[in-house]
Each structure stands twice: as C-alpha cells, then as structure tokens.
Protein backbone atom coordinates (compact mmCIF):
# COMPACT_ATOMS: atom_id res chain seq x y z
CA MET A 1 -27.31 46.86 40.44
CA THR A 2 -26.31 49.94 41.06
CA ARG A 3 -29.29 52.16 39.31
CA PRO A 4 -31.47 53.78 41.92
CA ALA A 5 -34.62 52.10 40.19
CA ARG A 6 -35.71 48.72 42.13
CA VAL A 7 -38.90 47.46 42.69
CA VAL A 8 -40.33 46.62 46.20
CA ILE A 9 -42.62 43.72 47.02
CA ASP A 10 -44.10 43.82 50.40
CA VAL A 11 -45.08 40.36 51.60
CA ALA A 12 -47.19 41.35 54.43
CA ALA A 13 -49.63 43.11 52.02
CA LEU A 14 -49.46 40.02 49.62
CA GLN A 15 -50.68 37.82 53.07
CA HIS A 16 -53.25 40.48 54.00
CA ASN A 17 -54.83 40.11 50.31
CA LEU A 18 -55.00 36.37 50.47
CA SER A 19 -56.59 36.84 54.01
CA ARG A 20 -58.95 39.42 52.32
CA ILE A 21 -59.85 36.75 49.69
CA ARG A 22 -60.55 34.16 52.28
CA SER A 23 -63.05 36.82 54.22
CA LEU A 24 -65.01 37.68 50.74
CA ALA A 25 -65.56 33.93 49.89
CA PRO A 26 -65.35 32.26 53.32
CA SER A 27 -66.38 28.44 51.80
CA SER A 28 -64.48 28.44 48.96
CA LYS A 29 -61.05 27.14 48.28
CA VAL A 30 -58.43 29.27 46.97
CA MET A 31 -56.64 28.62 43.72
CA ALA A 32 -53.76 31.43 43.85
CA ILE A 33 -52.82 31.97 40.14
CA VAL A 34 -49.20 32.65 39.67
CA LYS A 35 -48.43 32.75 35.73
CA ALA A 36 -46.52 35.16 34.24
CA ASP A 37 -44.12 35.20 36.82
CA ALA A 38 -46.97 35.83 39.65
CA TYR A 39 -47.73 38.72 37.26
CA GLY A 40 -44.52 40.04 37.60
CA HIS A 41 -43.71 40.03 41.20
CA GLY A 42 -41.52 36.64 41.37
CA ILE A 43 -43.28 33.20 40.83
CA GLU A 44 -40.47 31.77 43.40
CA ARG A 45 -41.06 34.53 46.04
CA VAL A 46 -45.24 34.45 45.96
CA ALA A 47 -45.49 30.52 45.97
CA ARG A 48 -43.03 30.59 49.53
CA SER A 49 -44.86 33.12 50.69
CA LEU A 50 -48.66 31.89 49.88
CA GLN A 51 -48.13 28.22 51.59
CA ASP A 52 -51.29 28.72 53.45
CA VAL A 53 -53.35 28.21 49.78
CA ASP A 54 -54.91 25.44 48.52
CA ALA A 55 -53.70 25.24 44.97
CA PHE A 56 -51.65 27.25 42.40
CA GLY A 57 -52.61 28.20 39.06
CA VAL A 58 -49.85 28.32 36.34
CA ALA A 59 -50.16 28.90 32.20
CA CYS A 60 -47.80 25.84 31.34
CA LEU A 61 -45.59 23.29 31.99
CA ASP A 62 -42.44 25.24 32.39
CA GLU A 63 -44.04 27.22 35.10
CA ALA A 64 -45.10 24.08 36.83
CA GLU A 65 -41.92 22.21 36.78
CA HIS A 66 -40.67 25.27 38.50
CA LEU A 67 -42.84 25.38 41.17
CA ARG A 68 -41.98 21.74 42.25
CA LEU A 69 -38.15 21.91 41.65
CA LEU A 70 -38.91 24.74 44.48
CA GLY A 71 -40.47 21.95 46.56
CA ILE A 72 -44.08 23.15 46.48
CA THR A 73 -46.18 19.94 47.05
CA LEU A 74 -49.74 21.66 46.85
CA PRO A 75 -51.98 21.06 43.51
CA ILE A 76 -50.91 23.15 40.70
CA LEU A 77 -53.11 23.49 37.51
CA LEU A 78 -51.99 24.02 33.97
CA LEU A 79 -54.96 26.65 32.99
CA GLU A 80 -54.29 25.79 29.35
CA GLY A 81 -53.93 21.97 29.45
CA ALA A 82 -51.39 20.18 27.61
CA TYR A 83 -50.19 21.44 24.49
CA SER A 84 -48.65 18.06 23.35
CA ALA A 85 -49.31 14.48 24.23
CA ALA A 86 -45.52 14.24 24.87
CA GLU A 87 -46.27 16.62 27.52
CA LEU A 88 -48.49 14.42 29.75
CA VAL A 89 -46.17 11.81 30.81
CA ARG A 90 -43.89 14.58 32.75
CA ILE A 91 -47.66 16.19 33.92
CA GLN A 92 -48.60 12.38 35.50
CA VAL A 93 -45.38 12.38 37.20
CA LEU A 94 -45.53 15.81 38.48
CA ASP A 95 -48.57 15.48 39.92
CA LEU A 96 -50.15 18.32 38.02
CA ASP A 97 -53.51 18.83 37.63
CA ILE A 98 -54.75 19.98 33.92
CA ALA A 99 -57.76 21.99 32.42
CA VAL A 100 -59.04 19.97 29.32
CA HIS A 101 -60.81 22.63 27.06
CA HIS A 102 -60.80 21.31 23.33
CA GLU A 103 -61.40 17.65 21.41
CA TYR A 104 -57.69 16.94 21.02
CA GLN A 105 -56.64 17.34 24.29
CA LEU A 106 -59.35 14.58 25.54
CA ARG A 107 -58.05 12.52 22.54
CA MET A 108 -54.53 12.88 23.95
CA LEU A 109 -55.38 11.56 27.11
CA GLU A 110 -57.80 8.39 25.55
CA GLN A 111 -54.97 7.27 23.55
CA ALA A 112 -51.55 8.09 26.05
CA SER A 113 -50.38 5.41 27.93
CA LEU A 114 -49.42 6.65 31.84
CA SER A 115 -49.05 4.93 34.98
CA ALA A 116 -51.43 6.77 36.76
CA PRO A 117 -54.27 8.70 35.89
CA VAL A 118 -54.16 12.63 35.66
CA LYS A 119 -56.82 15.32 37.61
CA VAL A 120 -58.80 16.98 35.05
CA TRP A 121 -61.02 20.22 34.83
CA LEU A 122 -63.53 20.35 32.03
CA LYS A 123 -63.76 23.72 30.71
CA ILE A 124 -66.74 25.23 29.68
CA ASP A 125 -67.10 27.82 26.82
CA SER A 126 -69.84 29.98 28.76
CA GLY A 127 -69.81 32.90 26.61
CA MET A 128 -66.01 34.41 26.58
CA HIS A 129 -65.46 32.29 23.17
CA ARG A 130 -61.69 31.92 24.30
CA LEU A 131 -61.25 27.96 25.54
CA GLY A 132 -63.66 25.87 26.48
CA PHE A 133 -66.38 23.38 25.13
CA PRO A 134 -69.69 24.45 24.29
CA PRO A 135 -71.96 23.82 26.83
CA ASP A 136 -73.94 22.03 23.99
CA GLU A 137 -71.12 19.22 23.91
CA VAL A 138 -70.57 19.38 28.02
CA ALA A 139 -72.60 15.96 28.69
CA MET A 140 -70.61 14.09 26.14
CA ILE A 141 -67.26 15.20 26.92
CA TRP A 142 -68.30 14.56 30.25
CA GLN A 143 -69.18 10.98 29.85
CA ARG A 144 -65.74 10.61 27.74
CA LEU A 145 -63.61 11.81 30.92
CA GLN A 146 -65.29 9.62 33.26
CA GLN A 147 -64.80 6.70 30.69
CA CYS A 148 -61.08 7.21 30.47
CA LYS A 149 -58.53 5.11 32.31
CA ASN A 150 -56.26 7.86 32.47
CA VAL A 151 -58.80 10.59 33.90
CA ALA A 152 -58.66 10.85 37.63
CA PHE A 153 -62.48 10.40 39.41
CA GLN A 154 -63.91 13.07 40.01
CA PRO A 155 -62.95 15.93 36.86
CA ARG A 156 -63.89 19.45 38.32
CA LEU A 157 -65.79 21.79 36.34
CA MET A 158 -64.51 25.57 35.42
CA THR A 159 -65.15 28.34 33.35
CA HIS A 160 -63.85 31.74 32.69
CA PHE A 161 -65.86 35.45 32.80
CA ALA A 162 -65.47 37.70 30.28
CA ALA A 163 -66.91 40.90 31.92
CA ALA A 164 -66.82 40.61 35.49
CA ASN A 165 -64.50 43.78 36.09
CA GLU A 166 -67.93 45.66 35.06
CA ARG A 167 -70.52 45.68 37.74
CA ASP A 168 -73.48 46.76 35.26
CA ASN A 169 -72.76 44.49 32.28
CA THR A 170 -74.99 41.45 32.29
CA MET A 171 -72.75 39.11 30.78
CA THR A 172 -71.56 37.53 33.79
CA ALA A 173 -74.85 36.61 35.02
CA GLU A 174 -75.55 34.98 31.63
CA GLN A 175 -72.47 32.75 31.74
CA LEU A 176 -73.55 31.43 35.56
CA ARG A 177 -76.92 31.08 33.97
CA ILE A 178 -75.45 29.10 30.74
CA PHE A 179 -72.47 27.35 33.11
CA ASN A 180 -75.28 25.83 35.68
CA THR A 181 -77.79 24.96 33.04
CA ALA A 182 -74.21 22.87 31.35
CA THR A 183 -73.85 21.48 34.11
CA ALA A 184 -77.09 20.51 36.04
CA GLY A 185 -76.95 17.08 37.31
CA THR A 186 -73.30 16.76 37.49
CA GLU A 187 -71.85 16.06 40.39
CA ALA A 188 -68.52 17.99 40.76
CA GLN A 189 -66.42 20.97 42.41
CA ARG A 190 -66.53 24.16 40.41
CA SER A 191 -64.69 26.87 39.54
CA LEU A 192 -65.60 30.00 38.02
CA ALA A 193 -64.69 33.61 40.18
CA ASN A 194 -61.55 35.07 38.87
CA SER A 195 -60.40 38.35 40.93
CA ALA A 196 -63.59 40.87 39.47
CA ALA A 197 -66.10 38.16 40.39
CA ILE A 198 -64.94 37.33 43.79
CA LEU A 199 -65.12 41.05 44.49
CA ALA A 200 -68.79 41.75 42.64
CA TRP A 201 -70.21 38.39 41.96
CA PRO A 202 -70.37 36.61 44.79
CA ALA A 203 -73.21 34.03 43.39
CA THR A 204 -69.74 32.79 41.13
CA HIS A 205 -67.93 31.54 44.21
CA ALA A 206 -68.77 28.27 44.01
CA ASP A 207 -66.06 25.58 45.26
CA TRP A 208 -63.26 27.18 44.08
CA VAL A 209 -62.14 30.48 43.63
CA ARG A 210 -58.91 31.95 41.33
CA PRO A 211 -57.63 34.99 42.48
CA GLY A 212 -55.21 36.59 40.42
CA LEU A 213 -54.70 40.52 40.14
CA MET A 214 -56.34 41.29 43.36
CA LEU A 215 -53.56 39.20 45.13
CA TYR A 216 -51.18 41.21 44.22
CA GLY A 217 -53.17 44.43 46.12
CA VAL A 218 -54.73 45.79 42.78
CA SER A 219 -58.47 46.41 42.05
CA PRO A 220 -59.98 44.34 38.26
CA ILE A 221 -63.15 46.38 38.72
CA GLN A 222 -63.60 49.15 36.63
CA ASN A 223 -63.12 52.30 37.61
CA GLU A 224 -62.23 51.67 41.31
CA THR A 225 -58.89 51.08 43.12
CA ALA A 226 -57.49 48.29 45.70
CA ALA A 227 -58.05 50.60 48.88
CA ASP A 228 -62.11 50.54 47.77
CA HIS A 229 -61.78 46.90 48.76
CA ASP A 230 -59.37 46.73 51.58
CA LEU A 231 -56.49 45.49 49.05
CA ARG A 232 -52.92 46.65 49.72
CA PRO A 233 -50.73 46.95 46.65
CA VAL A 234 -47.66 44.35 46.73
CA MET A 235 -45.23 45.78 43.86
CA SER A 236 -43.92 49.15 44.28
CA LEU A 237 -41.99 50.74 41.41
CA VAL A 238 -39.58 53.22 42.98
CA SER A 239 -36.15 55.32 41.96
CA GLU A 240 -34.32 59.04 43.32
CA LEU A 241 -34.26 61.95 41.59
CA ILE A 242 -30.43 61.77 40.05
CA SER A 243 -30.30 65.71 38.90
CA VAL A 244 -32.53 68.53 39.90
CA ARG A 245 -31.77 71.90 37.47
CA SER A 246 -33.87 75.51 36.67
CA LEU A 247 -35.16 76.00 33.11
CA GLN A 248 -36.59 79.26 31.72
CA GLY A 249 -39.97 79.79 30.40
CA GLY A 250 -39.81 78.38 26.51
CA GLU A 251 -36.86 75.89 27.22
CA ALA A 252 -37.69 72.55 25.99
CA VAL A 253 -37.43 69.57 27.65
CA GLY A 254 -37.05 65.50 26.66
CA TYR A 255 -36.46 63.84 23.01
CA GLY A 256 -38.72 65.27 20.32
CA ALA A 257 -39.24 69.41 22.29
CA SER A 258 -42.11 68.46 22.68
CA TRP A 259 -42.86 69.63 25.81
CA ARG A 260 -41.85 73.01 26.70
CA CYS A 261 -41.86 75.25 30.60
CA PRO A 262 -44.55 77.29 30.44
CA GLU A 263 -42.45 79.50 33.09
CA ALA A 264 -39.06 79.44 35.03
CA MET A 265 -39.66 76.36 37.20
CA PRO A 266 -37.14 73.56 38.10
CA ILE A 267 -37.25 70.31 36.81
CA GLY A 268 -35.94 66.97 38.14
CA ILE A 269 -34.92 63.63 36.37
CA VAL A 270 -35.40 60.31 37.48
CA ALA A 271 -33.29 57.16 36.97
CA VAL A 272 -36.08 55.14 35.49
CA GLY A 273 -37.28 54.33 31.80
CA TYR A 274 -39.14 52.35 29.41
CA ALA A 275 -36.25 49.79 29.68
CA ASP A 276 -37.43 49.43 33.10
CA GLY A 277 -41.14 48.66 32.33
CA PHE A 278 -42.66 52.13 32.93
CA PRO A 279 -45.14 53.28 30.30
CA ARG A 280 -43.30 55.69 27.79
CA HIS A 281 -46.79 56.43 26.36
CA ALA A 282 -47.83 57.41 29.44
CA GLY A 283 -47.12 61.08 28.47
CA SER A 284 -46.59 64.44 30.27
CA GLY A 285 -49.31 65.25 33.28
CA THR A 286 -48.67 61.49 34.48
CA PRO A 287 -48.66 61.27 38.22
CA ILE A 288 -45.80 60.45 40.45
CA ILE A 289 -44.53 61.22 43.64
CA VAL A 290 -41.07 62.57 44.46
CA ASN A 291 -40.30 62.44 48.22
CA GLY A 292 -43.93 62.07 49.58
CA GLN A 293 -45.16 64.97 46.89
CA ARG A 294 -47.65 64.70 44.39
CA ALA A 295 -46.00 65.35 40.94
CA CYS A 296 -46.00 65.21 37.28
CA ILE A 297 -43.76 63.94 34.24
CA ILE A 298 -43.46 66.47 31.83
CA GLY A 299 -41.80 65.27 28.42
CA ASN A 300 -41.38 61.85 26.64
CA THR A 301 -40.18 58.98 28.86
CA SER A 302 -36.30 57.59 27.76
CA MET A 303 -35.10 54.07 28.03
CA ASP A 304 -33.90 55.10 31.61
CA MET A 305 -34.64 58.76 33.12
CA LEU A 306 -37.81 60.81 32.99
CA ALA A 307 -38.45 64.02 33.87
CA VAL A 308 -40.15 65.54 35.95
CA ASP A 309 -42.02 68.92 37.09
CA LEU A 310 -41.00 69.94 40.42
CA ARG A 311 -42.63 73.55 41.42
CA GLY A 312 -45.00 71.34 43.58
CA VAL A 313 -42.34 69.63 45.35
CA SER A 314 -40.60 71.61 47.96
CA HIS A 315 -36.63 71.49 48.59
CA ALA A 316 -36.45 68.65 45.95
CA ARG A 317 -32.79 67.79 45.65
CA VAL A 318 -30.45 64.90 44.32
CA GLY A 319 -31.43 61.64 46.03
CA ASP A 320 -34.79 62.34 46.80
CA PRO A 321 -37.26 58.89 46.59
CA VAL A 322 -39.82 58.71 43.71
CA GLU A 323 -42.68 56.34 43.42
CA LEU A 324 -43.71 55.38 40.30
CA TRP A 325 -46.87 53.49 41.19
CA GLY A 326 -47.15 51.47 44.66
CA ALA A 327 -48.35 52.05 48.31
CA ASN A 328 -49.17 55.48 47.21
CA LEU A 329 -49.72 55.47 43.86
CA PRO A 330 -52.26 53.37 42.32
CA VAL A 331 -51.25 51.14 39.53
CA GLU A 332 -54.58 51.46 38.29
CA GLU A 333 -54.23 55.54 37.82
CA ILE A 334 -50.94 55.11 35.58
CA ALA A 335 -52.65 52.22 33.19
CA GLN A 336 -55.38 54.33 32.68
CA ARG A 337 -53.02 57.60 32.02
CA ALA A 338 -51.05 55.00 29.76
CA GLY A 339 -54.28 53.83 28.07
CA THR A 340 -53.67 50.41 29.16
CA ILE A 341 -54.12 48.05 31.95
CA PRO A 342 -52.38 46.92 35.44
CA TYR A 343 -52.08 43.47 34.36
CA GLU A 344 -49.42 44.54 31.22
CA LEU A 345 -47.36 47.11 33.55
CA LEU A 346 -46.89 44.48 36.46
CA CYS A 347 -46.14 41.75 33.79
CA GLY A 348 -43.64 44.38 32.24
CA VAL A 349 -41.26 45.43 34.99
CA HIS A 350 -38.21 44.54 33.99
CA LYS A 351 -36.07 41.89 35.18
CA ARG A 352 -32.48 43.91 35.20
CA LEU A 353 -33.99 45.81 38.25
CA ASP A 354 -33.22 45.01 41.75
CA PHE A 355 -36.36 43.20 43.53
CA ILE A 356 -36.13 43.89 47.28
CA GLU A 357 -38.36 41.94 49.73
CA LYS A 358 -40.16 43.97 52.48
CA HIS A 359 -41.75 41.91 55.51
CA GLY A 360 -44.34 44.28 57.69
C-alpha cells in the first residue's frame, strides 16, 4: 500500500503485557484471548508471538482451524462452543476444547458418534445472563457431562463477569459468590477472570485467567489507562500530514462546514479517515499527536482524511508523523471522545492498512 496511514504492532509490548499478567496472577494458567483477529491485531501475528501461554481462546471453529493450520499445538478453547452437531467431528479431529453453555449443546454431545472424547468447559451463568447454565442446574449438568462418553475427563468450570471493570460495583463479588456456591464440592479446574478481574479482583484468579484487552496494552478498568497498570499499548494507528495551509477567521473546514476557524490559523490534513477505522463521531477537539506535539481534530472526519488544528504545533509541514492512538496517545482516550469502548476501535481498524511489526 502507498498510503501513509498504517498500523504498527509492537510485539515486545505484547510480550511485556503477558509477563505483567503472569506477575499479577502467578498461580494461574493463562489463556490468551485471540478472537476477532486478536482484537484487530492479527491472530497469526499474536499467536506466533505468544507461544509461551498455556492456551488460546477463540470465538468459533474457523478461528481455531486457522490457528491449527499455522501449526499451533497449544490447547484452543471455543468460547461459544459448537454451533451445530456437524462441527463436533471437526472439533474432535482438531483436538479443540469447547464450552458447553446450553442444553442443546449437551444433547449434541450425548448423541454424537465420535472416535475420541472432547475436552469440555461447563459455562455457568453467574449473573451476566448471556451464556451459561443457571446455577441451580449445574449439579445435574455436571452429572450428565461425567456420564457422557464423548466428554473427556475432567470437565472444567467457567463463568464470565459483567461489571468487573467497575471497581465499586458489587456485582463481581456477588457473581463470585454464586459461582462458588454452584460449584461447591466439585473437583475441577476453574476459570473466571477476564482482563478487568485480573487487575481489580484477585480473588477471582482461580486456576485459569483469560486476558483479552489488557494483553493488547489497553486498560479495561473504567477511568484508568494502560500506564496505570504498567501495560504497554501494542497497536499504534499512525499516518502523516499530506497538506498544511493557512486559513482566515470564519472560513469553514470539512464536510457540512460545521467547524469554522475562530481566527487566522494553520490547519493540516492527515491521510486517515473512517474507512481506515478512525471513528467519524469522535468529533472536533479529539486529540491526536502531530510530530510529537499534542493537537486536535477539527471538522468532520472524511472517508480517507481528517483535518487538524496546527496552532499548537511548531514548524508543521507535509510529511510530519501523526499518531491517532497508540504508544503516545491512549486508545482509551479516543474511545471516550467517540462515545465508545477501546474494543470497538481496535477491532475496527481496516485491513486495507499496512500492518508493520515492531520488535524491541
């Protein structure tokens, strides 16, 4: 690609974040969550850079199959389990772990004809009410799993937290209590903690932790950044100035003429837009970094370009580097300005961009 807009992936930062996770949960195994193309970072790149994790977590069979084709031999968990009975044979051949969160999945396992049993994680709904068996059904489901010839011994137990990113929300403690009550007396490995729980709720670490967002150097905790937790951003969305010019007070900038210069001033045009994954609704005042100096967006972001106020940038000229988020500008801040979450921005970066790996 010839456009200056590109994505830089810092592999050393990824490995640093994994080390940080291990220091926070030293007694837990680590399942790296790499679904959705590793949160937009590239599943192949991330998986090959994290061969020292204990397992990978993905959303679907296609993602798991891709990892196996890459030569990844570590355990891989299908977080949503099998979608149909037809998938079970392929799951068994690829030696995948599956979550079982619903009666129909358990019936598929009981009725399947497999050459070898599959490894199962029983998912419990401890209060999020998205996926999982109700707590009062766990004992009965556990018994059926143990009696099923297609389930390898010993199934594991898991749940997911709805509000672990909010330190003052008591829901996480209540979900932990519900999970512990539902699984009392059951001898099995347990997994509860997502990124937010790893950071804020150490009592949930258990046998396995499942880091996602924090692995990529972004804070999942409300009103906190990666730097607060010694995490390093892995993805930087960068570009360059492709135009620098002076406008007079009152002149409009961009589609809709929604922003007008308050005085005579320099503006720049950056070669990046919403087709690259930068959020159009971030709006005027959203910060960016131009040549190492903080500036802000003005006017409406276009498909391939956006405008920037250069009054605070000294000696700006065409070709100057621009950072939209990353090592020097937290994606958390851009997400807040855009009224969204960092997950959406990371996953939304367009594959038309060049992805460049940085090592060290």
